[in-house]
All heavy atoms as atom14 arrays in JSON, in Angstrom:
{
  "sequence": "SNFLDTEIDSIQFKKITNKKTTTKIIAGLDGNKSLPDRRFESFTRLK",
  "atom14_mask": [
    [1, 1, 1, 1, 1, 1, 0, 0, 0, 0, 0, 0, 0, 0],
    [1, 1, 1, 1, 1, 1, 1, 1, 0, 0, 0, 0, 0, 0],
    [1, 1, 1, 1, 1, 1, 1, 1, 1, 1, 1, 0, 0, 0],
    [1, 1, 1, 1, 1, 1, 1, 1, 0, 0, 0, 0, 0, 0],
    [1, 1, 1, 1, 1, 1, 1, 1, 0, 0, 0, 0, 0, 0],
    [1, 1, 1, 1, 1, 1, 1, 0, 0, 0, 0, 0, 0, 0],
    [1, 1, 1, 1, 1, 1, 1, 1, 1, 0, 0, 0, 0, 0],
    [1, 1, 1, 1, 1, 1, 1, 1, 0, 0, 0, 0, 0, 0],
    [1, 1, 1, 1, 1, 1, 1, 1, 0, 0, 0, 0, 0, 0],
    [1, 1, 1, 1, 1, 1, 0, 0, 0, 0, 0, 0, 0, 0],
    [1, 1, 1, 1, 1, 1, 1, 1, 0, 0, 0, 0, 0, 0],
    [1, 1, 1, 1, 1, 1, 1, 1, 1, 0, 0, 0, 0, 0],
    [1, 1, 1, 1, 1, 1, 1, 1, 1, 1, 1, 0, 0, 0],
    [1, 1, 1, 1, 1, 1, 1, 1, 1, 0, 0, 0, 0, 0],
    [1, 1, 1, 1, 1, 1, 1, 1, 1, 0, 0, 0, 0, 0],
    [1, 1, 1, 1, 1, 1, 1, 1, 0, 0, 0, 0, 0, 0],
    [1, 1, 1, 1, 1, 1, 1, 0, 0, 0, 0, 0, 0, 0],
    [1, 1, 1, 1, 1, 1, 1, 1, 0, 0, 0, 0, 0, 0],
    [1, 1, 1, 1, 1, 1, 1, 1, 1, 0, 0, 0, 0, 0],
    [1, 1, 1, 1, 1, 1, 1, 1, 1, 0, 0, 0, 0, 0],
    [1, 1, 1, 1, 1, 1, 1, 0, 0, 0, 0, 0, 0, 0],
    [1, 1, 1, 1, 1, 1, 1, 0, 0, 0, 0, 0, 0, 0],
    [1, 1, 1, 1, 1, 1, 1, 0, 0, 0, 0, 0, 0, 0],
    [1, 1, 1, 1, 1, 1, 1, 1, 1, 0, 0, 0, 0, 0],
    [1, 1, 1, 1, 1, 1, 1, 1, 0, 0, 0, 0, 0, 0],
    [1, 1, 1, 1, 1, 1, 1, 1, 0, 0, 0, 0, 0, 0],
    [1, 1, 1, 1, 1, 0, 0, 0, 0, 0, 0, 0, 0, 0],
    [1, 1, 1, 1, 0, 0, 0, 0, 0, 0, 0, 0, 0, 0],
    [1, 1, 1, 1, 1, 1, 1, 1, 0, 0, 0, 0, 0, 0],
    [1, 1, 1, 1, 1, 1, 1, 1, 0, 0, 0, 0, 0, 0],
    [1, 1, 1, 1, 0, 0, 0, 0, 0, 0, 0, 0, 0, 0],
    [1, 1, 1, 1, 1, 1, 1, 1, 0, 0, 0, 0, 0, 0],
    [1, 1, 1, 1, 1, 1, 1, 1, 1, 0, 0, 0, 0, 0],
    [1, 1, 1, 1, 1, 1, 0, 0, 0, 0, 0, 0, 0, 0],
    [1, 1, 1, 1, 1, 1, 1, 1, 0, 0, 0, 0, 0, 0],
    [1, 1, 1, 1, 1, 1, 1, 0, 0, 0, 0, 0, 0, 0],
    [1, 1, 1, 1, 1, 1, 1, 1, 0, 0, 0, 0, 0, 0],
    [1, 1, 1, 1, 1, 1, 1, 1, 1, 1, 1, 0, 0, 0],
    [1, 1, 1, 1, 1, 1, 1, 1, 1, 1, 1, 0, 0, 0],
    [1, 1, 1, 1, 1, 1, 1, 1, 1, 1, 1, 0, 0, 0],
    [1, 1, 1, 1, 1, 1, 1, 1, 1, 0, 0, 0, 0, 0],
    [1, 1, 1, 1, 1, 1, 0, 0, 0, 0, 0, 0, 0, 0],
    [1, 1, 1, 1, 1, 1, 1, 1, 1, 1, 1, 0, 0, 0],
    [1, 1, 1, 1, 1, 1, 1, 0, 0, 0, 0, 0, 0, 0],
    [1, 1, 1, 1, 1, 1, 1, 1, 1, 1, 1, 0, 0, 0],
    [1, 1, 1, 1, 1, 1, 1, 1, 0, 0, 0, 0, 0, 0],
    [1, 1, 1, 1, 1, 1, 1, 1, 1, 0, 0, 0, 0, 0]
  ],
  "atom14_positions": [
    [[0.82, -1.22, 0.0], [0.0, 0.0, 0.0], [0.85, 1.26, 0.0], [0.47, 2.28, 0.55], [-0.93, 0.0, 1.23], [-0.15, -0.05, 2.41], [0.0, 0.0, 0.0], [0.0, 0.0, 0.0], [0.0, 0.0, 0.0], [0.0, 0.0, 0.0], [0.0, 0.0, 0.0], [0.0, 0.0, 0.0], [0.0, 0.0, 0.0], [0.0, 0.0, 0.0]],
    [[2.04, 1.14, -0.61], [2.92, 2.31, -0.66], [2.33, 3.48, -1.44], [2.72, 4.63, -1.26], [4.27, 1.93, -1.28], [5.03, 0.96, -0.37], [4.83, 0.97, 0.84], [5.88, 0.13, -0.96], [0.0, 0.0, 0.0], [0.0, 0.0, 0.0], [0.0, 0.0, 0.0], [0.0, 0.0, 0.0], [0.0, 0.0, 0.0], [0.0, 0.0, 0.0]],
    [[1.38, 3.16, -2.32], [0.77, 4.22, -3.14], [-0.18, 5.09, -2.31], [-0.59, 6.15, -2.73], [0.0, 3.6, -4.32], [0.88, 2.79, -5.22], [0.83, 1.4, -5.21], [1.78, 3.41, -6.07], [1.63, 0.65, -6.05], [2.59, 2.66, -6.92], [2.53, 1.26, -6.9], [0.0, 0.0, 0.0], [0.0, 0.0, 0.0], [0.0, 0.0, 0.0]],
    [[-0.55, 4.55, -1.13], [-1.47, 5.28, -0.26], [-0.71, 5.83, 0.94], [0.19, 5.19, 1.47], [-2.6, 4.37, 0.24], [-3.53, 3.81, -0.84], [-4.43, 2.74, -0.23], [-4.36, 4.91, -1.45], [0.0, 0.0, 0.0], [0.0, 0.0, 0.0], [0.0, 0.0, 0.0], [0.0, 0.0, 0.0], [0.0, 0.0, 0.0], [0.0, 0.0, 0.0]],
    [[-1.11, 7.03, 1.35], [-0.48, 7.64, 2.53], [-1.17, 7.1, 3.77], [-2.03, 7.74, 4.37], [-0.63, 9.17, 2.44], [0.16, 9.85, 3.55], [0.83, 9.14, 4.31], [0.06, 11.1, 3.64], [0.0, 0.0, 0.0], [0.0, 0.0, 0.0], [0.0, 0.0, 0.0], [0.0, 0.0, 0.0], [0.0, 0.0, 0.0], [0.0, 0.0, 0.0]],
    [[-0.82, 5.88, 4.13], [-1.48, 5.2, 5.25], [-0.5, 4.28, 5.95], [0.55, 3.91, 5.41], [-2.7, 4.39, 4.75], [-3.28, 3.72, 5.85], [-2.29, 3.38, 3.7], [0.0, 0.0, 0.0], [0.0, 0.0, 0.0], [0.0, 0.0, 0.0], [0.0, 0.0, 0.0], [0.0, 0.0, 0.0], [0.0, 0.0, 0.0], [0.0, 0.0, 0.0]],
    [[-0.83, 3.9, 7.17], [0.03, 3.01, 7.95], [-0.18, 1.54, 7.6], [0.57, 0.67, 8.03], [-0.25, 3.22, 9.45], [0.07, 4.65, 9.92], [-0.3, 4.84, 11.37], [-0.87, 3.9, 11.96], [-0.02, 5.92, 11.93], [0.0, 0.0, 0.0], [0.0, 0.0, 0.0], [0.0, 0.0, 0.0], [0.0, 0.0, 0.0], [0.0, 0.0, 0.0]],
    [[-1.16, 1.2, 6.84], [-1.44, -0.2, 6.47], [-0.42, -0.66, 5.44], [-0.12, 0.05, 4.47], [-2.88, -0.34, 5.93], [-3.87, 0.05, 7.05], [-3.14, -1.73, 5.43], [-5.3, 0.04, 6.61], [0.0, 0.0, 0.0], [0.0, 0.0, 0.0], [0.0, 0.0, 0.0], [0.0, 0.0, 0.0], [0.0, 0.0, 0.0], [0.0, 0.0, 0.0]],
    [[0.13, -1.9, 5.64], [1.22, -2.41, 4.8], [0.75, -2.88, 3.43], [1.46, -2.74, 2.43], [1.97, -3.55, 5.5], [2.67, -3.06, 6.77], [3.05, -1.86, 6.78], [2.8, -3.84, 7.71], [0.0, 0.0, 0.0], [0.0, 0.0, 0.0], [0.0, 0.0, 0.0], [0.0, 0.0, 0.0], [0.0, 0.0, 0.0], [0.0, 0.0, 0.0]],
    [[-0.4, -3.54, 3.38], [-0.82, -4.16, 2.12], [-2.31, -3.99, 1.9], [-3.07, -3.66, 2.81], [-0.47, -5.66, 2.12], [-1.15, -6.32, 3.17], [0.0, 0.0, 0.0], [0.0, 0.0, 0.0], [0.0, 0.0, 0.0], [0.0, 0.0, 0.0], [0.0, 0.0, 0.0], [0.0, 0.0, 0.0], [0.0, 0.0, 0.0], [0.0, 0.0, 0.0]],
    [[-2.68, -4.31, 0.65], [-4.07, -4.23, 0.26], [-4.38, -5.42, -0.63], [-3.55, -5.87, -1.42], [-4.36, -2.91, -0.49], [-5.84, -2.82, -0.84], [-3.5, -2.78, -1.73], [-6.23, -1.47, -1.39], [0.0, 0.0, 0.0], [0.0, 0.0, 0.0], [0.0, 0.0, 0.0], [0.0, 0.0, 0.0], [0.0, 0.0, 0.0], [0.0, 0.0, 0.0]],
    [[-5.55, -6.0, -0.44], [-5.98, -7.14, -1.25], [-6.55, -6.64, -2.57], [-7.41, -5.77, -2.6], [-7.04, -7.95, -0.5], [-6.54, -8.64, 0.76], [-5.55, -9.75, 0.43], [-5.62, -10.37, -0.62], [-4.61, -10.0, 1.34], [0.0, 0.0, 0.0], [0.0, 0.0, 0.0], [0.0, 0.0, 0.0], [0.0, 0.0, 0.0], [0.0, 0.0, 0.0]],
    [[-6.05, -7.23, -3.67], [-6.54, -6.87, -5.0], [-6.98, -8.14, -5.71], [-6.24, -9.11, -5.74], [-5.46, -6.17, -5.82], [-5.96, -5.62, -7.12], [-6.44, -4.33, -7.19], [-5.96, -6.4, -8.27], [-6.9, -3.82, -8.41], [-6.42, -5.89, -9.48], [-6.9, -4.59, -9.55], [0.0, 0.0, 0.0], [0.0, 0.0, 0.0], [0.0, 0.0, 0.0]],
    [[-8.15, -8.15, -6.25], [-8.69, -9.33, -6.91], [-8.8, -9.05, -8.4], [-9.44, -8.1, -8.82], [-10.06, -9.68, -6.33], [-10.6, -11.04, -6.78], [-11.97, -11.28, -6.2], [-11.89, -11.52, -4.71], [-11.23, -12.81, -4.36], [0.0, 0.0, 0.0], [0.0, 0.0, 0.0], [0.0, 0.0, 0.0], [0.0, 0.0, 0.0], [0.0, 0.0, 0.0]],
    [[-8.15, -9.93, -9.18], [-8.22, -9.84, -10.64], [-9.24, -10.87, -11.12], [-9.1, -12.07, -10.87], [-6.85, -10.11, -11.25], [-6.8, -10.02, -12.77], [-5.38, -10.28, -13.26], [-5.29, -10.23, -14.78], [-3.92, -10.5, -15.26], [0.0, 0.0, 0.0], [0.0, 0.0, 0.0], [0.0, 0.0, 0.0], [0.0, 0.0, 0.0], [0.0, 0.0, 0.0]],
    [[-10.25, -10.4, -11.8], [-11.35, -11.28, -12.21], [-11.4, -11.31, -13.74], [-11.48, -10.27, -14.38], [-12.69, -10.81, -11.65], [-12.61, -10.69, -10.12], [-13.81, -11.76, -12.05], [-13.84, -10.09, -9.49], [0.0, 0.0, 0.0], [0.0, 0.0, 0.0], [0.0, 0.0, 0.0], [0.0, 0.0, 0.0], [0.0, 0.0, 0.0], [0.0, 0.0, 0.0]],
    [[-11.33, -12.56, -14.28], [-11.37, -12.74, -15.74], [-12.5, -13.68, -16.09], [-12.69, -14.73, -15.46], [-10.05, -13.32, -16.26], [-8.97, -12.49, -15.82], [-10.04, -13.39, -17.78], [0.0, 0.0, 0.0], [0.0, 0.0, 0.0], [0.0, 0.0, 0.0], [0.0, 0.0, 0.0], [0.0, 0.0, 0.0], [0.0, 0.0, 0.0], [0.0, 0.0, 0.0]],
    [[-13.23, -13.3, -17.08], [-14.33, -14.13, -17.57], [-13.87, -14.88, -18.82], [-13.46, -14.28, -19.8], [-15.54, -13.25, -17.89], [-16.71, -14.06, -18.45], [-17.36, -13.62, -19.38], [-16.99, -15.22, -17.91], [0.0, 0.0, 0.0], [0.0, 0.0, 0.0], [0.0, 0.0, 0.0], [0.0, 0.0, 0.0], [0.0, 0.0, 0.0], [0.0, 0.0, 0.0]],
    [[-13.9, -16.27, -18.75], [-13.51, -17.11, -19.88], [-14.75, -17.78, -20.45], [-15.45, -18.51, -19.75], [-12.51, -18.16, -19.44], [-12.08, -19.12, -20.56], [-11.17, -20.22, -20.03], [-10.8, -21.2, -21.14], [-9.98, -22.32, -20.64], [0.0, 0.0, 0.0], [0.0, 0.0, 0.0], [0.0, 0.0, 0.0], [0.0, 0.0, 0.0], [0.0, 0.0, 0.0]],
    [[-15.01, -17.55, -21.73], [-16.16, -18.16, -22.4], [-15.66, -19.02, -23.56], [-14.84, -18.57, -24.35], [-17.12, -17.09, -22.92], [-17.84, -16.34, -21.82], [-18.88, -15.39, -22.4], [-19.65, -14.7, -21.29], [-20.7, -13.8, -21.82], [0.0, 0.0, 0.0], [0.0, 0.0, 0.0], [0.0, 0.0, 0.0], [0.0, 0.0, 0.0], [0.0, 0.0, 0.0]],
    [[-16.19, -20.27, -23.62], [-15.79, -21.22, -24.68], [-17.03, -21.8, -25.33], [-17.98, -22.19, -24.64], [-14.94, -22.37, -24.12], [-13.81, -21.81, -23.42], [-14.44, -23.27, -25.23], [0.0, 0.0, 0.0], [0.0, 0.0, 0.0], [0.0, 0.0, 0.0], [0.0, 0.0, 0.0], [0.0, 0.0, 0.0], [0.0, 0.0, 0.0], [0.0, 0.0, 0.0]],
    [[-16.98, -21.87, -26.66], [-18.08, -22.49, -27.43], [-17.45, -23.55, -28.35], [-16.58, -23.23, -29.17], [-18.83, -21.46, -28.27], [-19.33, -20.44, -27.42], [-19.97, -22.12, -29.03], [0.0, 0.0, 0.0], [0.0, 0.0, 0.0], [0.0, 0.0, 0.0], [0.0, 0.0, 0.0], [0.0, 0.0, 0.0], [0.0, 0.0, 0.0], [0.0, 0.0, 0.0]],
    [[-17.9, -24.84, -28.19], [-17.37, -25.95, -29.01], [-18.5, -26.56, -29.82], [-19.56, -26.87, -29.27], [-16.75, -27.04, -28.13], [-15.74, -26.42, -27.3], [-16.11, -28.13, -28.98], [0.0, 0.0, 0.0], [0.0, 0.0, 0.0], [0.0, 0.0, 0.0], [0.0, 0.0, 0.0], [0.0, 0.0, 0.0], [0.0, 0.0, 0.0], [0.0, 0.0, 0.0]],
    [[-18.23, -26.72, -31.13], [-19.23, -27.31, -32.03], [-18.74, -28.69, -32.47], [-17.64, -28.82, -32.98], [-19.41, -26.4, -33.23], [-20.39, -26.92, -34.27], [-20.47, -25.97, -35.45], [-21.38, -26.51, -36.56], [-21.39, -25.6, -37.73], [0.0, 0.0, 0.0], [0.0, 0.0, 0.0], [0.0, 0.0, 0.0], [0.0, 0.0, 0.0], [0.0, 0.0, 0.0]],
    [[-19.59, -29.72, -32.25], [-19.24, -31.11, -32.6], [-20.26, -31.63, -33.62], [-21.46, -31.52, -33.4], [-19.23, -32.03, -31.37], [-18.17, -31.49, -30.36], [-18.92, -33.46, -31.75], [-18.17, -32.26, -29.06], [0.0, 0.0, 0.0], [0.0, 0.0, 0.0], [0.0, 0.0, 0.0], [0.0, 0.0, 0.0], [0.0, 0.0, 0.0], [0.0, 0.0, 0.0]],
    [[-19.71, -32.23, -34.72], [-20.59, -32.83, -35.75], [-20.4, -34.34, -35.72], [-19.27, -34.84, -35.71], [-20.23, -32.29, -37.15], [-20.36, -30.75, -37.16], [-21.11, -32.91, -38.22], [-19.93, -30.12, -38.46], [0.0, 0.0, 0.0], [0.0, 0.0, 0.0], [0.0, 0.0, 0.0], [0.0, 0.0, 0.0], [0.0, 0.0, 0.0], [0.0, 0.0, 0.0]],
    [[-21.48, -35.13, -35.7], [-21.41, -36.6, -35.65], [-20.76, -37.15, -36.91], [-20.92, -36.61, -38.01], [-22.8, -37.19, -35.48], [0.0, 0.0, 0.0], [0.0, 0.0, 0.0], [0.0, 0.0, 0.0], [0.0, 0.0, 0.0], [0.0, 0.0, 0.0], [0.0, 0.0, 0.0], [0.0, 0.0, 0.0], [0.0, 0.0, 0.0], [0.0, 0.0, 0.0]],
    [[-19.98, -38.33, -36.79], [-19.32, -38.97, -37.94], [-20.32, -39.63, -38.88], [-21.51, -39.79, -38.56], [0.0, 0.0, 0.0], [0.0, 0.0, 0.0], [0.0, 0.0, 0.0], [0.0, 0.0, 0.0], [0.0, 0.0, 0.0], [0.0, 0.0, 0.0], [0.0, 0.0, 0.0], [0.0, 0.0, 0.0], [0.0, 0.0, 0.0], [0.0, 0.0, 0.0]],
    [[-19.77, -40.12, -40.02], [-20.65, -40.73, -41.02], [-21.26, -42.03, -40.52], [-22.35, -42.41, -40.92], [-19.86, -40.98, -42.32], [-19.36, -39.71, -43.03], [-18.54, -40.1, -44.26], [-20.53, -38.82, -43.41], [0.0, 0.0, 0.0], [0.0, 0.0, 0.0], [0.0, 0.0, 0.0], [0.0, 0.0, 0.0], [0.0, 0.0, 0.0], [0.0, 0.0, 0.0]],
    [[-20.51, -42.75, -39.69], [-21.04, -44.02, -39.18], [-22.0, -43.8, -38.02], [-22.56, -44.75, -37.47], [-19.88, -44.94, -38.74], [-19.0, -44.24, -37.71], [-19.33, -43.05, -37.34], [-18.02, -44.83, -37.27], [0.0, 0.0, 0.0], [0.0, 0.0, 0.0], [0.0, 0.0, 0.0], [0.0, 0.0, 0.0], [0.0, 0.0, 0.0], [0.0, 0.0, 0.0]],
    [[-22.17, -42.52, -37.66], [-23.12, -42.22, -36.59], [-22.58, -42.44, -35.22], [-23.25, -42.17, -34.24], [0.0, 0.0, 0.0], [0.0, 0.0, 0.0], [0.0, 0.0, 0.0], [0.0, 0.0, 0.0], [0.0, 0.0, 0.0], [0.0, 0.0, 0.0], [0.0, 0.0, 0.0], [0.0, 0.0, 0.0], [0.0, 0.0, 0.0], [0.0, 0.0, 0.0]],
    [[-21.36, -42.94, -35.08], [-20.81, -43.22, -33.74], [-19.69, -42.26, -33.36], [-19.53, -41.9, -32.2], [-20.28, -44.66, -33.7], [-21.41, -45.67, -33.88], [-22.49, -45.47, -33.34], [-21.16, -46.73, -34.65], [0.0, 0.0, 0.0], [0.0, 0.0, 0.0], [0.0, 0.0, 0.0], [0.0, 0.0, 0.0], [0.0, 0.0, 0.0], [0.0, 0.0, 0.0]],
    [[-18.92, -41.86, -34.31], [-17.73, -41.08, -34.01], [-18.04, -39.58, -34.14], [-18.63, -39.16, -35.12], [-16.6, -41.46, -34.97], [-15.25, -40.85, -34.59], [-14.21, -41.35, -35.55], [-12.84, -40.77, -35.18], [-11.8, -41.23, -36.12], [0.0, 0.0, 0.0], [0.0, 0.0, 0.0], [0.0, 0.0, 0.0], [0.0, 0.0, 0.0], [0.0, 0.0, 0.0]],
    [[-17.63, -38.87, -33.13], [-17.85, -37.42, -33.15], [-16.53, -36.71, -33.1], [-15.64, -37.06, -32.31], [-18.72, -36.99, -31.96], [-19.98, -37.6, -32.01], [0.0, 0.0, 0.0], [0.0, 0.0, 0.0], [0.0, 0.0, 0.0], [0.0, 0.0, 0.0], [0.0, 0.0, 0.0], [0.0, 0.0, 0.0], [0.0, 0.0, 0.0], [0.0, 0.0, 0.0]],
    [[-16.37, -35.7, -33.9], [-15.13, -34.93, -33.95], [-15.43, -33.44, -33.72], [-16.43, -32.91, -34.25], [-14.45, -35.1, -35.31], [-13.99, -36.53, -35.65], [-13.52, -36.56, -37.09], [-12.89, -36.98, -34.69], [0.0, 0.0, 0.0], [0.0, 0.0, 0.0], [0.0, 0.0, 0.0], [0.0, 0.0, 0.0], [0.0, 0.0, 0.0], [0.0, 0.0, 0.0]],
    [[-14.61, -32.75, -32.93], [-14.81, -31.3, -32.77], [-14.64, -30.62, -34.13], [-13.67, -30.86, -34.82], [-13.71, -30.88, -31.81], [-13.3, -32.15, -31.11], [-13.49, -33.23, -32.11], [0.0, 0.0, 0.0], [0.0, 0.0, 0.0], [0.0, 0.0, 0.0], [0.0, 0.0, 0.0], [0.0, 0.0, 0.0], [0.0, 0.0, 0.0], [0.0, 0.0, 0.0]],
    [[-15.6, -29.81, -34.42], [-15.52, -29.09, -35.7], [-14.95, -27.68, -35.51], [-14.05, -27.28, -36.23], [-16.91, -29.02, -36.33], [-16.88, -28.32, -37.66], [-16.09, -28.73, -38.52], [-17.64, -27.33, -37.81], [0.0, 0.0, 0.0], [0.0, 0.0, 0.0], [0.0, 0.0, 0.0], [0.0, 0.0, 0.0], [0.0, 0.0, 0.0], [0.0, 0.0, 0.0]],
    [[-15.48, -26.97, -34.5], [-15.0, -25.6, -34.24], [-14.98, -25.35, -32.74], [-15.78, -25.9, -32.0], [-15.91, -24.57, -34.92], [-15.8, -24.55, -36.43], [-16.68, -23.44, -36.98], [-16.62, -23.38, -38.43], [-17.31, -22.52, -39.16], [-18.11, -21.66, -38.56], [-17.2, -22.52, -40.47], [0.0, 0.0, 0.0], [0.0, 0.0, 0.0], [0.0, 0.0, 0.0]],
    [[-14.04, -24.45, -32.34], [-13.92, -24.1, -30.93], [-13.65, -22.58, -30.83], [-12.72, -22.08, -31.44], [-12.78, -24.87, -30.28], [-12.65, -24.63, -28.78], [-11.46, -25.43, -28.24], [-11.28, -25.22, -26.83], [-11.87, -25.95, -25.88], [-12.69, -26.93, -26.26], [-11.66, -25.71, -24.61], [0.0, 0.0, 0.0], [0.0, 0.0, 0.0], [0.0, 0.0, 0.0]],
    [[-14.48, -21.88, -30.06], [-14.34, -20.43, -29.89], [-14.07, -20.13, -28.41], [-14.77, -20.65, -27.53], [-15.62, -19.7, -30.31], [-16.0, -19.95, -31.74], [-16.93, -20.94, -32.06], [-15.43, -19.2, -32.77], [-17.28, -21.17, -33.38], [-15.8, -19.44, -34.07], [-16.73, -20.43, -34.4], [0.0, 0.0, 0.0], [0.0, 0.0, 0.0], [0.0, 0.0, 0.0]],
    [[-13.05, -19.33, -28.14], [-12.74, -18.94, -26.78], [-12.61, -17.41, -26.69], [-12.11, -16.78, -27.62], [-11.41, -19.56, -26.32], [-11.5, -21.05, -26.07], [-10.2, -21.61, -25.5], [-9.16, -20.92, -25.65], [-10.24, -22.66, -24.91], [0.0, 0.0, 0.0], [0.0, 0.0, 0.0], [0.0, 0.0, 0.0], [0.0, 0.0, 0.0], [0.0, 0.0, 0.0]],
    [[-13.06, -16.84, -25.55], [-12.91, -15.39, -25.33], [-12.6, -15.15, -23.87], [-13.09, -15.86, -22.99], [-14.21, -14.66, -25.71], [-15.27, -15.04, -24.86], [0.0, 0.0, 0.0], [0.0, 0.0, 0.0], [0.0, 0.0, 0.0], [0.0, 0.0, 0.0], [0.0, 0.0, 0.0], [0.0, 0.0, 0.0], [0.0, 0.0, 0.0], [0.0, 0.0, 0.0]],
    [[-11.71, -14.18, -23.63], [-11.32, -13.82, -22.27], [-11.63, -12.32, -22.05], [-11.22, -11.47, -22.86], [-9.83, -14.06, -22.05], [-9.45, -15.52, -22.15], [-9.13, -16.08, -23.39], [-9.42, -16.32, -21.01], [-8.8, -17.4, -23.49], [-9.07, -17.65, -21.12], [-8.76, -18.21, -22.36], [0.0, 0.0, 0.0], [0.0, 0.0, 0.0], [0.0, 0.0, 0.0]],
    [[-12.33, -12.01, -20.98], [-12.74, -10.63, -20.69], [-12.46, -10.28, -19.23], [-12.84, -11.05, -18.33], [-14.25, -10.44, -20.97], [-14.55, -10.86, -22.3], [-14.64, -8.98, -20.79], [0.0, 0.0, 0.0], [0.0, 0.0, 0.0], [0.0, 0.0, 0.0], [0.0, 0.0, 0.0], [0.0, 0.0, 0.0], [0.0, 0.0, 0.0], [0.0, 0.0, 0.0]],
    [[-11.76, -9.16, -19.05], [-11.56, -8.67, -17.68], [-12.85, -8.02, -17.2], [-13.4, -7.13, -17.86], [-10.42, -7.65, -17.66], [-9.02, -8.22, -17.83], [-8.51, -8.82, -16.54], [-8.3, -7.81, -15.52], [-7.17, -7.12, -15.37], [-6.15, -7.33, -16.19], [-7.06, -6.23, -14.41], [0.0, 0.0, 0.0], [0.0, 0.0, 0.0], [0.0, 0.0, 0.0]],
    [[-13.35, -8.45, -16.07], [-14.58, -7.88, -15.51], [-14.22, -6.68, -14.62], [-14.12, -6.78, -13.4], [-15.34, -8.94, -14.73], [-15.73, -10.19, -15.53], [-16.48, -11.18, -14.65], [-16.6, -9.8, -16.72], [0.0, 0.0, 0.0], [0.0, 0.0, 0.0], [0.0, 0.0, 0.0], [0.0, 0.0, 0.0], [0.0, 0.0, 0.0], [0.0, 0.0, 0.0]],
    [[-14.04, -5.53, -15.29], [-13.55, -4.36, -14.57], [-14.53, -3.89, -13.5], [-14.13, -3.51, -12.39], [-13.27, -3.22, -15.56], [-12.72, -1.97, -14.88], [-12.42, -0.88, -15.89], [-11.93, 0.38, -15.18], [-11.62, 1.46, -16.12], [0.0, 0.0, 0.0], [0.0, 0.0, 0.0], [0.0, 0.0, 0.0], [0.0, 0.0, 0.0], [0.0, 0.0, 0.0]]
  ]
}
């Protein structure tokens, strides 16, 4: 807490990040096997 003119030594700071993922899977031709087709990820700081 050196940035503050105070006698307290430290301050708790919490960094919060929002992670969002979207995965698209299409079934195989034999109807049994599935493979990931697309994957979308986003990271956002929750200010």
